[in-house]
């Protein structure tokens, strides 16, 4: 038997399928289309694209796996684990999930997009929650430092991150101002790898375990307006600013919370400059922080965590 995961985030339509032994059987995704020179996509347009994309992915899945072999579904129904968390785009996955549930007469279990990320990250690193860990969820819509424990389900507490602009927003706003296509992270990562160092130093703004990226973004935008900058150098500087902010907030959070390992999830967390800086950080080593980086494919938006959650919940039924 198999377990299906569905995730409809702001920029990716995703499905995943695992078997009884947590082997990944299928992992299909379609990136949503963003108009040139835009810095995002409207929720209504994202919803429409998900509804168009999901049948394409399910038809491809059903060509290889008989639908009657699917035992349960896990669907990302909201961004985070709190009662007020809501984003219309996730209703598209919930709608399709309900159609599949009723058609196949199987149970459907709901989880948050953040839970989905955590479970996929843990799976990709073969990590188990034998003791509390931290997780840094760093993406276009989220920059949160989390404290995670597990009983029957994940217990997630926000203990730091960004107090305003998210890391992905910082990246994309600077990238679009430099004339790059949205989303800009991948292209800026490629550009940054062409330089070993940068003369641009974007100052970080830290208060305990929280950072602020609005000031750093303003600093970068002022530099862009002068016209006296190099795209590769500025890309590198943006990523180093984010990496240093992560470094300081991690160290500061250890004064209040007992954790030794931090799992990195979210698309920004797979950036090469950020990973290289943190992996070589003497401050991180001196504070006995073990870094656990999710596999790049499962750090970005995907539906694997939903499939894992469906299997877990189904076995408790």
Protein backbone atom coordinates (compact mmCIF):
# COMPACT_ATOMS: atom_id res chain seq x y z
CA UNK A 1 0.00 0.00 0.00
CA UNK A 2 0.98 3.63 -0.57
CA UNK A 3 0.53 7.03 1.06
CA UNK A 4 -0.06 10.23 -0.91
CA UNK A 5 1.07 13.73 0.02
CA UNK A 6 -0.31 16.96 -1.50
CA UNK A 7 1.13 20.46 -1.04
CA UNK A 8 0.01 23.62 -2.83
CA UNK A 9 2.36 26.39 -1.71
CA UNK A 10 2.63 29.91 -3.10
CA UNK A 11 4.94 28.84 -5.94
CA UNK A 12 4.87 25.03 -6.34
CA UNK A 13 2.24 22.35 -6.95
CA UNK A 14 3.54 19.11 -5.41
CA UNK A 15 2.55 15.50 -4.87
CA UNK A 16 4.59 12.65 -3.36
CA UNK A 17 4.02 8.96 -2.73
CA UNK A 18 5.75 6.64 -0.26
CA UNK A 19 5.34 2.95 0.54
CA UNK A 20 5.01 1.15 3.87
CA UNK A 21 8.79 1.32 4.41
CA UNK A 22 9.08 5.08 3.76
CA UNK A 23 10.61 4.52 0.33
CA UNK A 24 9.88 7.40 -2.03
CA UNK A 25 7.90 6.06 -4.97
CA UNK A 26 6.91 9.30 -6.70
CA UNK A 27 7.83 12.97 -6.33
CA UNK A 28 6.26 15.31 -8.88
CA UNK A 29 6.20 19.12 -8.89
CA UNK A 30 5.21 21.99 -11.15
CA UNK A 31 6.47 25.51 -10.50
CA UNK A 32 3.82 28.21 -10.77
CA UNK A 33 4.30 30.83 -13.49
CA UNK A 34 5.12 34.36 -12.36
CA UNK A 35 4.81 37.27 -14.80
CA UNK A 36 8.05 38.99 -15.80
CA UNK A 37 9.09 41.90 -13.55
CA UNK A 38 6.56 40.86 -10.88
CA UNK A 39 7.72 40.28 -7.29
CA UNK A 40 5.15 37.60 -6.53
CA UNK A 41 1.85 36.07 -7.53
CA UNK A 42 -1.71 36.80 -6.40
CA UNK A 43 -3.36 34.14 -4.24
CA UNK A 44 -6.25 33.84 -6.70
CA UNK A 45 -3.87 33.24 -9.61
CA UNK A 46 -1.85 30.71 -7.60
CA UNK A 47 -5.08 28.90 -6.65
CA UNK A 48 -6.11 28.70 -10.32
CA UNK A 49 -2.71 27.36 -11.41
CA UNK A 50 -2.77 24.68 -8.69
CA UNK A 51 -6.22 23.52 -9.84
CA UNK A 52 -4.85 23.31 -13.39
CA UNK A 53 -1.61 21.55 -12.36
CA UNK A 54 -2.91 18.94 -9.93
CA UNK A 55 -4.79 16.76 -12.46
CA UNK A 56 -1.63 16.66 -14.60
CA UNK A 57 0.41 15.36 -11.67
CA UNK A 58 -2.23 12.88 -10.50
CA UNK A 59 -2.74 11.48 -14.00
CA UNK A 60 1.00 10.89 -14.27
CA UNK A 61 0.95 9.18 -10.87
CA UNK A 62 -2.03 6.97 -11.73
CA UNK A 63 -0.28 5.81 -14.89
CA UNK A 64 2.29 4.03 -12.70
CA UNK A 65 0.43 3.30 -9.44
CA UNK A 66 -3.15 1.95 -9.29
CA UNK A 67 -5.25 4.45 -7.32
CA UNK A 68 -6.83 1.68 -5.24
CA UNK A 69 -3.39 0.98 -3.74
CA UNK A 70 -3.35 4.38 -2.00
CA UNK A 71 -4.26 3.91 1.66
CA UNK A 72 -4.37 7.51 2.94
CA UNK A 73 -3.67 11.13 2.02
CA UNK A 74 -1.80 13.91 3.86
CA UNK A 75 -2.59 17.46 2.73
CA UNK A 76 -0.94 20.76 3.70
CA UNK A 77 -3.97 22.86 4.68
CA UNK A 78 -2.38 25.98 6.21
CA UNK A 79 1.03 27.65 6.57
CA UNK A 80 1.76 26.98 10.28
CA UNK A 81 0.51 25.19 13.38
CA UNK A 82 -1.66 27.82 14.96
CA UNK A 83 -5.42 28.43 14.89
CA UNK A 84 -5.16 31.74 13.02
CA UNK A 85 -2.83 30.46 10.30
CA UNK A 86 -4.54 30.73 6.93
CA UNK A 87 -3.63 31.24 3.30
CA UNK A 88 -6.17 30.74 0.47
CA UNK A 89 -3.68 29.00 -1.79
CA UNK A 90 -3.72 25.88 0.40
CA UNK A 91 -7.45 25.47 -0.18
CA UNK A 92 -6.68 24.28 -3.71
CA UNK A 93 -4.81 21.25 -2.36
CA UNK A 94 -7.51 20.70 0.24
CA UNK A 95 -10.17 20.74 -2.49
CA UNK A 96 -8.33 18.22 -4.68
CA UNK A 97 -7.51 16.09 -1.63
CA UNK A 98 -11.18 15.89 -0.71
CA UNK A 99 -12.09 14.79 -4.23
CA UNK A 100 -9.44 12.03 -4.09
CA UNK A 101 -10.54 11.06 -0.56
CA UNK A 102 -14.20 10.70 -1.50
CA UNK A 103 -13.44 8.95 -4.79
CA UNK A 104 -11.12 6.36 -3.25
CA UNK A 105 -12.97 6.22 0.11
CA UNK A 106 -9.77 6.61 2.13
CA UNK A 107 -8.86 8.80 5.13
CA UNK A 108 -7.31 12.24 4.66
CA UNK A 109 -5.13 13.88 7.34
CA UNK A 110 -4.32 17.58 7.51
CA UNK A 111 -0.97 19.10 8.46
CA UNK A 112 0.65 22.49 8.09
CA UNK A 113 3.03 23.43 5.30
CA UNK A 114 5.70 23.95 7.98
CA UNK A 115 5.15 20.44 9.39
CA UNK A 116 5.46 19.11 5.86
CA UNK A 117 8.84 20.83 5.50
CA UNK A 118 10.11 19.49 8.83
CA UNK A 119 9.09 15.89 8.10
CA UNK A 120 10.60 16.01 4.61
CA UNK A 121 13.82 17.46 6.03
CA UNK A 122 14.04 14.79 8.72
CA UNK A 123 13.41 12.06 6.13
CA UNK A 124 16.09 13.42 3.78
CA UNK A 125 18.71 13.40 6.57
CA UNK A 126 17.55 10.08 8.09
CA UNK A 127 17.16 11.98 11.36
CA UNK A 128 14.91 10.95 14.26
CA UNK A 129 13.54 13.16 17.01
CA UNK A 130 14.98 11.25 19.95
CA UNK A 131 15.49 14.60 21.73
CA UNK A 132 14.44 18.22 21.14
CA UNK A 133 16.04 19.98 18.20
CA UNK A 134 15.86 23.41 16.60
CA UNK A 135 14.81 23.96 13.01
CA UNK A 136 15.41 27.05 10.91
CA UNK A 137 12.66 27.46 8.32
CA UNK A 138 14.02 29.95 5.79
CA UNK A 139 12.03 30.64 2.63
CA UNK A 140 10.23 33.33 0.67
CA UNK A 141 7.35 33.53 3.13
CA UNK A 142 8.95 32.33 6.36
CA UNK A 143 12.05 32.96 8.41
CA UNK A 144 11.46 31.26 11.74
CA UNK A 145 13.68 29.55 14.28
CA UNK A 146 11.68 26.71 15.79
CA UNK A 147 11.99 24.51 18.87
CA UNK A 148 10.70 21.03 18.07
CA UNK A 149 9.76 18.10 20.28
CA UNK A 150 7.69 15.06 19.41
CA UNK A 151 5.05 13.09 21.27
CA UNK A 152 2.44 11.62 18.96
CA UNK A 153 2.77 14.65 16.71
CA UNK A 154 5.29 17.47 16.31
CA UNK A 155 5.24 20.20 18.95
CA UNK A 156 6.52 23.40 17.35
CA UNK A 157 7.38 26.61 19.17
CA UNK A 158 8.68 29.75 17.44
CA UNK A 159 11.76 30.96 19.35
CA UNK A 160 13.37 33.34 16.84
CA UNK A 161 13.79 34.27 13.20
CA UNK A 162 12.96 37.51 11.42
CA UNK A 163 10.82 40.21 13.02
CA UNK A 164 9.85 41.77 9.70
CA UNK A 165 11.00 41.02 6.15
CA UNK A 166 11.61 37.36 5.41
CA UNK A 167 14.95 36.18 4.01
CA UNK A 168 13.39 35.17 0.69
CA UNK A 169 11.67 38.54 0.38
CA UNK A 170 14.98 40.29 1.04
CA UNK A 171 16.61 38.24 -1.71
CA UNK A 172 13.81 38.69 -4.25
CA UNK A 173 13.40 42.45 -3.72
CA UNK A 174 17.10 43.00 -4.27
CA UNK A 175 17.16 40.60 -7.22
CA UNK A 176 14.22 42.22 -9.00
CA UNK A 177 15.82 45.66 -8.48
CA UNK A 178 18.95 44.30 -10.17
CA UNK A 179 16.82 43.25 -13.17
CA UNK A 180 16.61 39.51 -12.42
CA UNK A 181 13.49 37.40 -12.92
CA UNK A 182 11.38 36.47 -9.89
CA UNK A 183 11.99 34.29 -7.93
CA UNK A 184 15.61 35.43 -7.87
CA UNK A 185 17.30 33.08 -5.39
CA UNK A 186 18.63 30.53 -7.85
CA UNK A 187 20.08 33.11 -10.25
CA UNK A 188 21.64 35.12 -7.42
CA UNK A 189 23.13 31.92 -6.02
CA UNK A 190 24.69 31.19 -9.42
CA UNK A 191 26.05 34.73 -9.65
CA UNK A 192 27.47 34.63 -6.12
CA UNK A 193 29.42 31.47 -6.88
CA UNK A 194 31.43 33.38 -9.51
CA UNK A 195 33.13 35.50 -6.81
CA UNK A 196 35.13 34.23 -3.85
CA UNK A 197 34.61 37.32 -1.71
CA UNK A 198 32.86 40.68 -1.80
CA UNK A 199 33.81 44.21 -0.81
CA UNK A 200 30.18 44.95 0.03
CA UNK A 201 29.31 44.59 3.71
CA UNK A 202 25.57 44.76 4.43
CA UNK A 203 25.17 45.32 8.19
CA UNK A 204 23.04 42.85 10.15
CA UNK A 205 20.39 43.92 12.65
CA UNK A 206 20.01 41.49 15.59
CA UNK A 207 18.01 41.56 18.80
CA UNK A 208 18.45 38.37 20.84
CA UNK A 209 17.17 35.48 18.67
CA UNK A 210 15.44 37.76 16.14
CA UNK A 211 16.86 39.57 13.13
CA UNK A 212 15.50 42.33 10.92
CA UNK A 213 16.02 42.38 7.15
CA UNK A 214 14.22 45.65 6.37
CA UNK A 215 17.31 47.71 7.19
CA UNK A 216 19.67 45.49 5.18
CA UNK A 217 17.26 45.64 2.23
CA UNK A 218 17.18 49.44 2.38
CA UNK A 219 21.00 49.47 2.44
CA UNK A 220 21.13 47.25 -0.67
CA UNK A 221 18.48 49.26 -2.52
CA UNK A 222 20.39 52.51 -1.93
CA UNK A 223 23.49 50.88 -3.40
CA UNK A 224 21.55 49.71 -6.46
CA UNK A 225 20.23 53.24 -7.07
CA UNK A 226 23.80 54.54 -7.33
CA UNK A 227 24.47 52.14 -10.19
CA UNK A 228 27.90 51.48 -8.73
CA UNK A 229 27.67 47.80 -7.90
CA UNK A 230 28.37 44.37 -9.32
CA UNK A 231 25.47 41.89 -9.39
CA UNK A 232 27.61 38.94 -8.28
CA UNK A 233 29.21 40.92 -5.47
CA UNK A 234 25.88 42.25 -4.21
CA UNK A 235 24.29 38.79 -4.40
CA UNK A 236 27.14 37.43 -2.30
CA UNK A 237 26.73 40.27 0.20
CA UNK A 238 22.99 39.60 0.58
CA UNK A 239 23.59 35.91 1.31
CA UNK A 240 26.40 36.67 3.76
CA UNK A 241 24.16 39.12 5.60
CA UNK A 242 21.51 36.41 5.94
CA UNK A 243 24.12 33.81 7.02
CA UNK A 244 25.55 36.09 9.71
CA UNK A 245 22.05 36.85 10.98
CA UNK A 246 21.29 33.12 11.20
CA UNK A 247 24.57 32.55 13.01
CA UNK A 248 23.91 35.19 15.68
CA UNK A 249 20.26 34.29 16.27
CA UNK A 250 21.16 30.62 16.67
CA UNK A 251 23.84 31.39 19.24
CA UNK A 252 21.58 33.77 21.15
CA UNK A 253 18.69 31.30 21.28
CA UNK A 254 20.85 28.68 23.02
CA UNK A 255 20.92 30.90 26.10
CA UNK A 256 17.22 30.13 26.67
CA UNK A 257 16.51 26.78 25.03
CA UNK A 258 18.18 23.40 25.36
CA UNK A 259 18.97 22.05 21.93
CA UNK A 260 22.16 20.84 20.26
CA UNK A 261 21.15 20.31 16.62
CA UNK A 262 19.45 22.58 14.12
CA UNK A 263 17.70 21.31 11.00
CA UNK A 264 17.61 23.69 8.03
CA UNK A 265 14.47 23.65 5.89
CA UNK A 266 13.02 25.96 3.23
CA UNK A 267 14.42 26.98 -0.15
CA UNK A 268 16.76 29.71 1.12
CA UNK A 269 18.43 27.24 3.49
CA UNK A 270 19.88 25.36 0.49
CA UNK A 271 21.80 28.42 -0.73
CA UNK A 272 25.48 27.59 -1.33
CA UNK A 273 26.96 30.76 0.23
CA UNK A 274 24.83 30.46 3.37
CA UNK A 275 25.67 26.79 3.78
CA UNK A 276 29.39 27.40 3.25
CA UNK A 277 29.52 30.28 5.73
CA UNK A 278 27.62 28.45 8.48
CA UNK A 279 29.53 25.19 7.98
CA UNK A 280 32.83 27.04 8.43
CA UNK A 281 31.70 29.25 11.31
CA UNK A 282 34.02 29.08 14.32
CA UNK A 283 31.30 30.70 16.45
CA UNK A 284 28.92 27.85 15.60
CA UNK A 285 31.56 25.27 16.52
CA UNK A 286 32.48 27.00 19.80
CA UNK A 287 28.82 26.93 20.83
CA UNK A 288 28.57 23.19 20.09
CA UNK A 289 25.84 23.63 17.51
CA UNK A 290 25.44 20.73 15.10
CA UNK A 291 24.13 21.81 11.70
CA UNK A 292 21.81 19.41 9.84
CA UNK A 293 21.13 20.53 6.26
CA UNK A 294 18.18 18.98 4.46
CA UNK A 295 18.84 17.53 1.05
CA UNK A 296 18.40 20.44 -1.37
CA UNK A 297 15.49 18.81 -3.20
CA UNK A 298 13.61 18.34 0.07
CA UNK A 299 14.52 21.70 1.57
CA UNK A 300 12.40 23.48 -1.06
CA UNK A 301 8.62 23.11 -1.32
CA UNK A 302 7.51 19.50 -1.79
CA UNK A 303 4.77 17.09 -0.65
CA UNK A 304 6.86 14.32 0.90
CA UNK A 305 6.09 15.36 4.47
CA UNK A 306 2.37 14.99 3.80
CA UNK A 307 2.84 11.41 2.64
CA UNK A 308 4.94 10.60 5.74
CA UNK A 309 2.31 12.18 7.98
CA UNK A 310 -0.51 10.21 6.31
CA UNK A 311 1.30 6.94 6.97
CA UNK A 312 2.04 7.90 10.57
CA UNK A 313 -1.55 8.91 11.31
CA UNK A 314 -3.04 5.96 9.46
CA UNK A 315 -1.05 3.51 11.57
CA UNK A 316 -2.53 5.09 14.73
CA UNK A 317 -6.10 4.66 13.50
